[in-house]
Amino acid sequence: MFTSPLSLSPRHGIRLVPFGLVALLTLLAVPTFALDKENRGFGLDRAFAVTGAYGFGKREGVAGQSFLVRAEGAGYFMSTPMHNRGGIEGGMELGYDGFDHDPNAVLGGFLWDFWLGFPVTLFEKFDDDGILLTTALSPGLGIGSQHTYVYIKGKIAARVVPRVAMELNYQWTPYNGSLAWMNTPGDHAGLAMAVLRYTTYFAVTEETSLMLYFDWRQSNLDSPMPGSDPALAAFDAKNGIYNSGAFSPIFRTRVDNNFRIGFGVAF
């Protein structure tokens, strides 16, 4: 009988990590090494980046600090029927997040996350020096120490001055697009997550940029409560009960509300 990866327990899900790592490295190698400069999709003209980051804030109501290593890449290697550029993005994040989200993790507080997306440009503007502005939309999926998930990401990247570029992106996962590993009061719990990220690239050479980024992330653990009376009050502040309308209320718990600062190199 076929078993969906989303139905795996955290203990079994960890076994997928080495396979996911190999797959992502293979996929990232394609846009990193096989594309011309004008087709690179990370920022404006980079294909791959490696950063270290420090984070602070609260996770499941507990204050903590994060120390992370992040590697990611993106590239546009095909034209769509509408003459947009399409491609692939992906990456991984490893580190310590100051609080153990996953009681089955080998090390307390160990954070891991792998993702794969498929960006498509929406609008681009060029000048004599190349790309001046690009906007893109990217649906994707991932698996991490907190949950498996799908996401939608919007981004805008622009050249500020000849050797400095910026990128702003917003990534959103609805709770019903996530399957959380955490113990919850109801079935089918998901981690509703929003991440806003700003990055600045400082070109050092034609092929290398230093990058500095800031991101803010917030997430709620949302769980339907099957069998509950839908006539309950719309909001019970004491118990965190939200009425979702015609079906069942939602039990919502604030999980993440934190900031990260990262620095690294983009190629």
C-alpha atoms as a PDB file:
ATOM      1  CA  MET A   1       0.000   0.000   0.000  1.00  0.00           C
ATOM      2  CA  PHE A   2       1.270   3.470  -0.908  1.00  0.00           C
ATOM      3  CA  THR A   3       2.253   5.633   2.066  1.00  0.00           C
ATOM      4  CA  SER A   4       2.447   9.392   1.698  1.00  0.00           C
ATOM      5  CA  PRO A   5       5.648  11.022   3.074  1.00  0.00           C
ATOM      6  CA  LEU A   6       3.357  13.440   4.930  1.00  0.00           C
ATOM      7  CA  SER A   7       2.008  10.563   7.031  1.00  0.00           C
ATOM      8  CA  LEU A   8       5.425   9.551   8.363  1.00  0.00           C
ATOM      9  CA  SER A   9       6.124  10.011  12.045  1.00  0.00           C
ATOM     10  CA  PRO A  10       8.954  12.392  13.039  1.00  0.00           C
ATOM     11  CA  ARG A  11      11.142   9.401  13.851  1.00  0.00           C
ATOM     12  CA  HIS A  12      10.695   7.947  10.380  1.00  0.00           C
ATOM     13  CA  GLY A  13      10.741  11.365   8.729  1.00  0.00           C
ATOM     14  CA  ILE A  14      14.294  11.956   9.934  1.00  0.00           C
ATOM     15  CA  ARG A  15      15.370   9.060   7.732  1.00  0.00           C
ATOM     16  CA  LEU A  16      14.423  11.143   4.698  1.00  0.00           C
ATOM     17  CA  VAL A  17      16.976  13.843   5.544  1.00  0.00           C
ATOM     18  CA  PRO A  18      20.050  12.264   3.836  1.00  0.00           C
ATOM     19  CA  PHE A  19      18.027  11.559   0.679  1.00  0.00           C
ATOM     20  CA  GLY A  20      16.649  15.083   0.656  1.00  0.00           C
ATOM     21  CA  LEU A  21      20.142  16.500   1.105  1.00  0.00           C
ATOM     22  CA  VAL A  22      21.523  14.567  -1.866  1.00  0.00           C
ATOM     23  CA  ALA A  23      18.533  15.496  -4.046  1.00  0.00           C
ATOM     24  CA  LEU A  24      18.784  19.191  -3.221  1.00  0.00           C
ATOM     25  CA  LEU A  25      22.536  19.324  -3.816  1.00  0.00           C
ATOM     26  CA  THR A  26      22.027  17.643  -7.190  1.00  0.00           C
ATOM     27  CA  LEU A  27      19.241  20.020  -8.201  1.00  0.00           C
ATOM     28  CA  LEU A  28      21.113  23.091  -6.994  1.00  0.00           C
ATOM     29  CA  ALA A  29      24.183  22.099  -8.990  1.00  0.00           C
ATOM     30  CA  VAL A  30      22.213  22.439 -12.237  1.00  0.00           C
ATOM     31  CA  PRO A  31      21.391  26.153 -11.965  1.00  0.00           C
ATOM     32  CA  THR A  32      24.661  26.929 -10.182  1.00  0.00           C
ATOM     33  CA  PHE A  33      27.071  25.614 -12.778  1.00  0.00           C
ATOM     34  CA  ALA A  34      25.106  25.349 -16.017  1.00  0.00           C
ATOM     35  CA  LEU A  35      23.610  28.820 -16.328  1.00  0.00           C
ATOM     36  CA  ASP A  36      24.827  32.033 -17.864  1.00  0.00           C
ATOM     37  CA  LYS A  37      25.046  35.007 -15.550  1.00  0.00           C
ATOM     38  CA  GLU A  38      21.918  36.689 -16.901  1.00  0.00           C
ATOM     39  CA  ASN A  39      19.865  33.607 -16.082  1.00  0.00           C
ATOM     40  CA  ARG A  40      20.794  33.345 -12.432  1.00  0.00           C
ATOM     41  CA  GLY A  41      17.876  33.909 -10.117  1.00  0.00           C
ATOM     42  CA  PHE A  42      19.265  34.506  -6.646  1.00  0.00           C
ATOM     43  CA  GLY A  43      19.015  38.231  -6.012  1.00  0.00           C
ATOM     44  CA  LEU A  44      19.635  39.711  -9.453  1.00  0.00           C
ATOM     45  CA  ASP A  45      22.697  37.937 -10.789  1.00  0.00           C
ATOM     46  CA  ARG A  46      23.783  35.227  -8.349  1.00  0.00           C
ATOM     47  CA  ALA A  47      23.053  31.503  -8.354  1.00  0.00           C
ATOM     48  CA  PHE A  48      24.191  30.318  -4.923  1.00  0.00           C
ATOM     49  CA  ALA A  49      24.724  31.712  -1.431  1.00  0.00           C
ATOM     50  CA  VAL A  50      26.094  30.463   1.884  1.00  0.00           C
ATOM     51  CA  THR A  51      25.322  32.377   5.065  1.00  0.00           C
ATOM     52  CA  GLY A  52      25.576  32.132   8.816  1.00  0.00           C
ATOM     53  CA  ALA A  53      22.860  33.670  10.976  1.00  0.00           C
ATOM     54  CA  TYR A  54      22.059  34.608  14.544  1.00  0.00           C
ATOM     55  CA  GLY A  55      18.453  34.655  15.713  1.00  0.00           C
ATOM     56  CA  PHE A  56      16.589  35.733  18.813  1.00  0.00           C
ATOM     57  CA  GLY A  57      12.991  35.732  19.984  1.00  0.00           C
ATOM     58  CA  LYS A  58      10.458  33.279  21.366  1.00  0.00           C
ATOM     59  CA  ARG A  59       9.544  29.761  20.303  1.00  0.00           C
ATOM     60  CA  GLU A  60       6.490  28.145  21.888  1.00  0.00           C
ATOM     61  CA  GLY A  61       6.521  30.997  24.380  1.00  0.00           C
ATOM     62  CA  VAL A  62      10.110  30.311  25.477  1.00  0.00           C
ATOM     63  CA  ALA A  63      12.818  32.887  24.795  1.00  0.00           C
ATOM     64  CA  GLY A  64      15.894  31.581  23.055  1.00  0.00           C
ATOM     65  CA  GLN A  65      18.693  32.187  20.585  1.00  0.00           C
ATOM     66  CA  SER A  66      19.473  30.602  17.217  1.00  0.00           C
ATOM     67  CA  PHE A  67      22.741  29.874  15.449  1.00  0.00           C
ATOM     68  CA  LEU A  68      22.258  28.694  11.880  1.00  0.00           C
ATOM     69  CA  VAL A  69      24.070  27.857   8.659  1.00  0.00           C
ATOM     70  CA  ARG A  70      22.075  28.325   5.465  1.00  0.00           C
ATOM     71  CA  ALA A  71      22.877  27.350   1.865  1.00  0.00           C
ATOM     72  CA  GLU A  72      20.514  28.164  -0.994  1.00  0.00           C
ATOM     73  CA  GLY A  73      20.397  28.788  -4.685  1.00  0.00           C
ATOM     74  CA  ALA A  74      18.102  29.649  -7.562  1.00  0.00           C
ATOM     75  CA  GLY A  75      18.251  29.783 -11.324  1.00  0.00           C
ATOM     76  CA  TYR A  76      16.013  30.453 -14.317  1.00  0.00           C
ATOM     77  CA  PHE A  77      16.759  28.036 -17.120  1.00  0.00           C
ATOM     78  CA  MET A  78      13.620  27.945 -19.259  1.00  0.00           C
ATOM     79  CA  SER A  79      11.118  30.259 -20.917  1.00  0.00           C
ATOM     80  CA  THR A  80       7.424  29.828 -20.223  1.00  0.00           C
ATOM     81  CA  PRO A  81       4.751  30.016 -22.963  1.00  0.00           C
ATOM     82  CA  MET A  82       4.008  33.566 -21.732  1.00  0.00           C
ATOM     83  CA  HIS A  83       7.691  34.535 -22.257  1.00  0.00           C
ATOM     84  CA  ASN A  84       8.411  34.648 -18.545  1.00  0.00           C
ATOM     85  CA  ARG A  85      11.476  32.897 -17.171  1.00  0.00           C
ATOM     86  CA  GLY A  86      11.001  29.827 -15.007  1.00  0.00           C
ATOM     87  CA  GLY A  87      13.388  27.758 -12.991  1.00  0.00           C
ATOM     88  CA  ILE A  88      14.166  26.194  -9.664  1.00  0.00           C
ATOM     89  CA  GLU A  89      15.160  27.269  -6.158  1.00  0.00           C
ATOM     90  CA  GLY A  90      16.154  25.247  -3.146  1.00  0.00           C
ATOM     91  CA  GLY A  91      18.224  25.164  -0.043  1.00  0.00           C
ATOM     92  CA  MET A  92      18.897  23.866   3.417  1.00  0.00           C
ATOM     93  CA  GLU A  93      19.224  25.306   6.889  1.00  0.00           C
ATOM     94  CA  LEU A  94      20.956  23.587   9.804  1.00  0.00           C
ATOM     95  CA  GLY A  95      21.658  24.756  13.304  1.00  0.00           C
ATOM     96  CA  TYR A  96      20.450  25.213  16.850  1.00  0.00           C
ATOM     97  CA  ASP A  97      17.272  27.146  17.543  1.00  0.00           C
ATOM     98  CA  GLY A  98      17.376  27.367  21.315  1.00  0.00           C
ATOM     99  CA  PHE A  99      14.326  25.233  21.939  1.00  0.00           C
ATOM    100  CA  ASP A 100      13.531  21.634  21.074  1.00  0.00           C
ATOM    101  CA  HIS A 101      10.518  21.642  18.736  1.00  0.00           C
ATOM    102  CA  ASP A 102      10.887  17.947  18.034  1.00  0.00           C
ATOM    103  CA  PRO A 103      11.129  15.622  21.063  1.00  0.00           C
ATOM    104  CA  ASN A 104      12.372  12.847  18.757  1.00  0.00           C
ATOM    105  CA  ALA A 105      15.336  14.888  17.521  1.00  0.00           C
ATOM    106  CA  VAL A 106      18.744  13.367  18.211  1.00  0.00           C
ATOM    107  CA  LEU A 107      19.988  16.596  19.778  1.00  0.00           C
ATOM    108  CA  GLY A 108      17.776  18.949  21.767  1.00  0.00           C
ATOM    109  CA  GLY A 109      17.143  22.145  19.851  1.00  0.00           C
ATOM    110  CA  PHE A 110      18.614  20.843  16.591  1.00  0.00           C
ATOM    111  CA  LEU A 111      17.025  22.624  13.615  1.00  0.00           C
ATOM    112  CA  TRP A 112      16.942  21.304  10.055  1.00  0.00           C
ATOM    113  CA  ASP A 113      14.986  22.449   7.055  1.00  0.00           C
ATOM    114  CA  PHE A 114      15.093  21.553   3.339  1.00  0.00           C
ATOM    115  CA  TRP A 115      13.004  23.174   0.626  1.00  0.00           C
ATOM    116  CA  LEU A 116      12.487  23.149  -3.123  1.00  0.00           C
ATOM    117  CA  GLY A 117      10.556  25.721  -5.178  1.00  0.00           C
ATOM    118  CA  PHE A 118       9.762  26.667  -8.748  1.00  0.00           C
ATOM    119  CA  PRO A 119      10.020  30.439  -9.335  1.00  0.00           C
ATOM    120  CA  VAL A 120       8.505  32.188 -12.347  1.00  0.00           C
ATOM    121  CA  THR A 121       9.261  35.816 -13.176  1.00  0.00           C
ATOM    122  CA  LEU A 122       6.318  38.194 -13.377  1.00  0.00           C
ATOM    123  CA  PHE A 123       7.986  41.409 -14.565  1.00  0.00           C
ATOM    124  CA  GLU A 124      11.549  42.406 -15.430  1.00  0.00           C
ATOM    125  CA  LYS A 125      13.208  45.653 -16.465  1.00  0.00           C
ATOM    126  CA  PHE A 126      16.611  45.933 -18.131  1.00  0.00           C
ATOM    127  CA  ASP A 127      19.033  48.749 -18.880  1.00  0.00           C
ATOM    128  CA  ASP A 128      22.414  48.858 -20.635  1.00  0.00           C
ATOM    129  CA  ASP A 129      24.119  47.205 -17.643  1.00  0.00           C
ATOM    130  CA  GLY A 130      21.742  44.239 -17.419  1.00  0.00           C
ATOM    131  CA  ILE A 131      18.813  43.482 -15.109  1.00  0.00           C
ATOM    132  CA  LEU A 132      17.582  46.501 -13.192  1.00  0.00           C
ATOM    133  CA  LEU A 133      14.442  45.039 -11.574  1.00  0.00           C
ATOM    134  CA  THR A 134      12.770  41.646 -11.379  1.00  0.00           C
ATOM    135  CA  THR A 135       9.700  40.321  -9.604  1.00  0.00           C
ATOM    136  CA  ALA A 136       8.854  36.649  -9.221  1.00  0.00           C
ATOM    137  CA  LEU A 137       6.400  34.243  -7.648  1.00  0.00           C
ATOM    138  CA  SER A 138       7.514  30.853  -6.363  1.00  0.00           C
ATOM    139  CA  PRO A 139       5.414  27.958  -5.051  1.00  0.00           C
ATOM    140  CA  GLY A 140       7.365  25.253  -3.248  1.00  0.00           C
ATOM    141  CA  LEU A 141       7.489  22.535  -0.624  1.00  0.00           C
ATOM    142  CA  GLY A 142       9.758  21.504   2.203  1.00  0.00           C
ATOM    143  CA  ILE A 143      10.418  19.316   5.208  1.00  0.00           C
ATOM    144  CA  GLY A 144      11.955  20.406   8.494  1.00  0.00           C
ATOM    145  CA  SER A 145      12.318  19.639  12.172  1.00  0.00           C
ATOM    146  CA  GLN A 146       8.949  21.305  12.841  1.00  0.00           C
ATOM    147  CA  HIS A 147       6.784  20.151   9.939  1.00  0.00           C
ATOM    148  CA  THR A 148       6.366  19.219   6.294  1.00  0.00           C
ATOM    149  CA  TYR A 149       4.854  22.054   4.314  1.00  0.00           C
ATOM    150  CA  VAL A 150       4.060  23.824   1.080  1.00  0.00           C
ATOM    151  CA  TYR A 151       4.679  27.524   0.587  1.00  0.00           C
ATOM    152  CA  ILE A 152       4.130  30.429  -1.759  1.00  0.00           C
ATOM    153  CA  LYS A 153       6.786  33.129  -2.015  1.00  0.00           C
ATOM    154  CA  GLY A 154       6.744  36.512  -3.696  1.00  0.00           C
ATOM    155  CA  LYS A 155       9.914  38.507  -4.267  1.00  0.00           C
ATOM    156  CA  ILE A 156      11.225  41.707  -5.761  1.00  0.00           C
ATOM    157  CA  ALA A 157      14.902  42.381  -6.484  1.00  0.00           C
ATOM    158  CA  ALA A 158      16.408  45.639  -7.764  1.00  0.00           C
ATOM    159  CA  ARG A 159      19.753  47.313  -8.361  1.00  0.00           C
ATOM    160  CA  VAL A 160      20.134  50.309  -6.039  1.00  0.00           C
ATOM    161  CA  VAL A 161      23.488  51.619  -7.318  1.00  0.00           C
ATOM    162  CA  PRO A 162      25.907  49.968  -9.788  1.00  0.00           C
ATOM    163  CA  ARG A 163      27.435  47.557  -7.247  1.00  0.00           C
ATOM    164  CA  VAL A 164      24.623  47.247  -4.697  1.00  0.00           C
ATOM    165  CA  ALA A 165      21.365  45.313  -5.107  1.00  0.00           C
ATOM    166  CA  MET A 166      18.498  44.526  -2.749  1.00  0.00           C
ATOM    167  CA  GLU A 167      15.885  41.802  -2.497  1.00  0.00           C
ATOM    168  CA  LEU A 168      12.664  41.664  -0.507  1.00  0.00           C
ATOM    169  CA  ASN A 169      10.633  38.484  -0.271  1.00  0.00           C
ATOM    170  CA  TYR A 170       7.641  37.231   1.644  1.00  0.00           C
ATOM    171  CA  GLN A 171       6.997  33.526   2.197  1.00  0.00           C
ATOM    172  CA  TRP A 172       3.695  32.166   3.504  1.00  0.00           C
ATOM    173  CA  THR A 173       2.503  28.715   4.557  1.00  0.00           C
ATOM    174  CA  PRO A 174      -1.169  28.353   5.594  1.00  0.00           C
ATOM    175  CA  TYR A 175      -1.887  25.958   8.436  1.00  0.00           C
ATOM    176  CA  ASN A 176      -3.731  23.584   6.106  1.00  0.00           C
ATOM    177  CA  GLY A 177      -0.597  23.437   3.927  1.00  0.00           C
ATOM    178  CA  SER A 178       1.465  22.102   6.834  1.00  0.00           C
ATOM    179  CA  LEU A 179       1.658  18.898   8.847  1.00  0.00           C
ATOM    180  CA  ALA A 180       3.269  19.618  12.203  1.00  0.00           C
ATOM    181  CA  TRP A 181       5.208  17.047  14.211  1.00  0.00           C
ATOM    182  CA  MET A 182       4.202  18.595  17.554  1.00  0.00           C
ATOM    183  CA  ASN A 183       1.705  17.153  20.010  1.00  0.00           C
ATOM    184  CA  THR A 184      -1.566  19.019  19.540  1.00  0.00           C
ATOM    185  CA  PRO A 185      -5.102  19.052  20.974  1.00  0.00           C
ATOM    186  CA  GLY A 186      -6.652  17.993  17.656  1.00  0.00           C
ATOM    187  CA  ASP A 187      -5.983  16.163  14.419  1.00  0.00           C
ATOM    188  CA  HIS A 188      -4.356  17.559  11.276  1.00  0.00           C
ATOM    189  CA  ALA A 189      -2.529  20.375  13.032  1.00  0.00           C
ATOM    190  CA  GLY A 190      -0.505  22.725  10.874  1.00  0.00           C
ATOM    191  CA  LEU A 191       2.054  25.444  11.407  1.00  0.00           C
ATOM    192  CA  ALA A 192       0.826  28.658   9.781  1.00  0.00           C
ATOM    193  CA  MET A 193       4.036  30.547   9.027  1.00  0.00           C
ATOM    194  CA  ALA A 194       4.946  33.936   7.556  1.00  0.00           C
ATOM    195  CA  VAL A 195       8.519  35.089   6.867  1.00  0.00           C
ATOM    196  CA  LEU A 196       9.509  38.561   5.663  1.00  0.00           C
ATOM    197  CA  ARG A 197      13.136  38.844   4.532  1.00  0.00           C
ATOM    198  CA  TYR A 198      15.280  41.760   3.315  1.00  0.00           C
ATOM    199  CA  THR A 199      18.696  41.175   1.752  1.00  0.00           C
ATOM    200  CA  THR A 200      21.379  43.562   0.472  1.00  0.00           C
ATOM    201  CA  TYR A 201      24.121  42.409  -1.924  1.00  0.00           C
ATOM    202  CA  PHE A 202      27.439  44.245  -2.147  1.00  0.00           C
ATOM    203  CA  ALA A 203      29.361  43.231  -5.291  1.00  0.00           C
ATOM    204  CA  VAL A 204      33.043  42.560  -4.571  1.00  0.00           C
ATOM    205  CA  THR A 205      33.960  41.135  -7.975  1.00  0.00           C
ATOM    206  CA  GLU A 206      32.013  40.277 -11.121  1.00  0.00           C
ATOM    207  CA  GLU A 207      31.338  36.811  -9.700  1.00  0.00           C
ATOM    208  CA  THR A 208      31.062  37.395  -5.941  1.00  0.00           C
ATOM    209  CA  SER A 209      28.946  39.515  -3.601  1.00  0.00           C
ATOM    210  CA  LEU A 210      28.854  39.892   0.135  1.00  0.00           C
ATOM    211  CA  MET A 211      25.309  39.714   1.459  1.00  0.00           C
ATOM    212  CA  LEU A 212      23.578  40.838   4.627  1.00  0.00           C
ATOM    213  CA  TYR A 213      19.994  39.887   5.468  1.00  0.00           C
ATOM    214  CA  PHE A 214      17.370  40.438   8.129  1.00  0.00           C
ATOM    215  CA  ASP A 215      14.228  38.384   8.496  1.00  0.00           C
ATOM    216  CA  TRP A 216      11.215  38.359  10.751  1.00  0.00           C
ATOM    217  CA  ARG A 217       9.151  35.225  11.150  1.00  0.00           C
ATOM    218  CA  GLN A 218       5.939  34.453  12.953  1.00  0.00           C
ATOM    219  CA  SER A 219       4.007  31.208  13.171  1.00  0.00           C
ATOM    220  CA  ASN A 220       0.965  29.785  14.913  1.00  0.00           C
ATOM    221  CA  LEU A 221       0.198  26.141  15.554  1.00  0.00           C
ATOM    222  CA  ASP A 222      -3.400  25.853  14.347  1.00  0.00           C
ATOM    223  CA  SER A 223      -5.415  22.725  15.020  1.00  0.00           C
ATOM    224  CA  PRO A 224      -9.075  22.011  14.207  1.00  0.00           C
ATOM    225  CA  MET A 225     -11.046  20.558  17.105  1.00  0.00           C
ATOM    226  CA  PRO A 226     -13.284  17.836  15.607  1.00  0.00           C
ATOM    227  CA  GLY A 227     -16.672  17.413  17.238  1.00  0.00           C
ATOM    228  CA  SER A 228     -16.751  20.838  18.825  1.00  0.00           C
ATOM    229  CA  ASP A 229     -19.943  22.841  18.710  1.00  0.00           C
ATOM    230  CA  PRO A 230     -19.641  25.399  15.868  1.00  0.00           C
ATOM    231  CA  ALA A 231     -22.012  27.647  17.809  1.00  0.00           C
ATOM    232  CA  LEU A 232     -19.203  28.465  20.272  1.00  0.00           C
ATOM    233  CA  ALA A 233     -18.259  32.118  20.688  1.00  0.00           C
ATOM    234  CA  ALA A 234     -16.112  33.505  17.902  1.00  0.00           C
ATOM    235  CA  PHE A 235     -13.171  34.009  20.242  1.00  0.00           C
ATOM    236  CA  ASP A 236     -12.368  32.743  23.709  1.00  0.00           C
ATOM    237  CA  ALA A 237      -9.234  34.659  24.736  1.00  0.00           C
ATOM    238  CA  LYS A 238      -8.586  32.506  27.794  1.00  0.00           C
ATOM    239  CA  ASN A 239      -8.493  29.191  25.936  1.00  0.00           C
ATOM    240  CA  GLY A 240      -7.376  30.449  22.532  1.00  0.00           C
ATOM    241  CA  ILE A 241     -10.462  29.126  20.726  1.00  0.00           C
ATOM    242  CA  TYR A 242     -11.341  30.632  17.348  1.00  0.00           C
ATOM    243  CA  ASN A 243     -14.563  29.817  15.530  1.00  0.00           C
ATOM    244  CA  SER A 244     -13.686  28.918  11.934  1.00  0.00           C
ATOM    245  CA  GLY A 245     -17.259  29.371  10.700  1.00  0.00           C
ATOM    246  CA  ALA A 246     -19.527  26.552   9.586  1.00  0.00           C
ATOM    247  CA  PHE A 247     -17.313  23.701  10.719  1.00  0.00           C
ATOM    248  CA  SER A 248     -15.124  23.479  13.815  1.00  0.00           C
ATOM    249  CA  PRO A 249     -13.261  25.993  15.960  1.00  0.00           C
ATOM    250  CA  ILE A 250      -9.506  26.345  15.731  1.00  0.00           C
ATOM    251  CA  PHE A 251      -7.112  25.957  18.651  1.00  0.00           C
ATOM    252  CA  ARG A 252      -4.253  28.368  18.044  1.00  0.00           C
ATOM    253  CA  THR A 253      -0.918  28.495  19.846  1.00  0.00           C
ATOM    254  CA  ARG A 254       1.772  31.094  19.103  1.00  0.00           C
ATOM    255  CA  VAL A 255       4.955  29.194  18.246  1.00  0.00           C
ATOM    256  CA  ASP A 256       7.520  31.516  16.665  1.00  0.00           C
ATOM    257  CA  ASN A 257       7.984  35.244  16.764  1.00  0.00           C
ATOM    258  CA  ASN A 258      11.606  35.996  16.137  1.00  0.00           C
ATOM    259  CA  PHE A 259      14.244  37.843  14.153  1.00  0.00           C
ATOM    260  CA  ARG A 260      17.352  36.656  12.352  1.00  0.00           C
ATOM    261  CA  ILE A 261      20.433  38.489  11.131  1.00  0.00           C
ATOM    262  CA  GLY A 262      22.629  36.747   8.553  1.00  0.00           C
ATOM    263  CA  PHE A 263      25.866  37.442   6.705  1.00  0.00           C
ATOM    264  CA  GLY A 264      27.530  35.488   3.921  1.00  0.00           C
ATOM    265  CA  VAL A 265      28.743  35.232   0.345  1.00  0.00           C
ATOM    266  CA  ALA A 266      26.761  34.930  -2.901  1.00  0.00           C
ATOM    267  CA  PHE A 267      28.277  33.584  -6.128  1.00  0.00           C
END
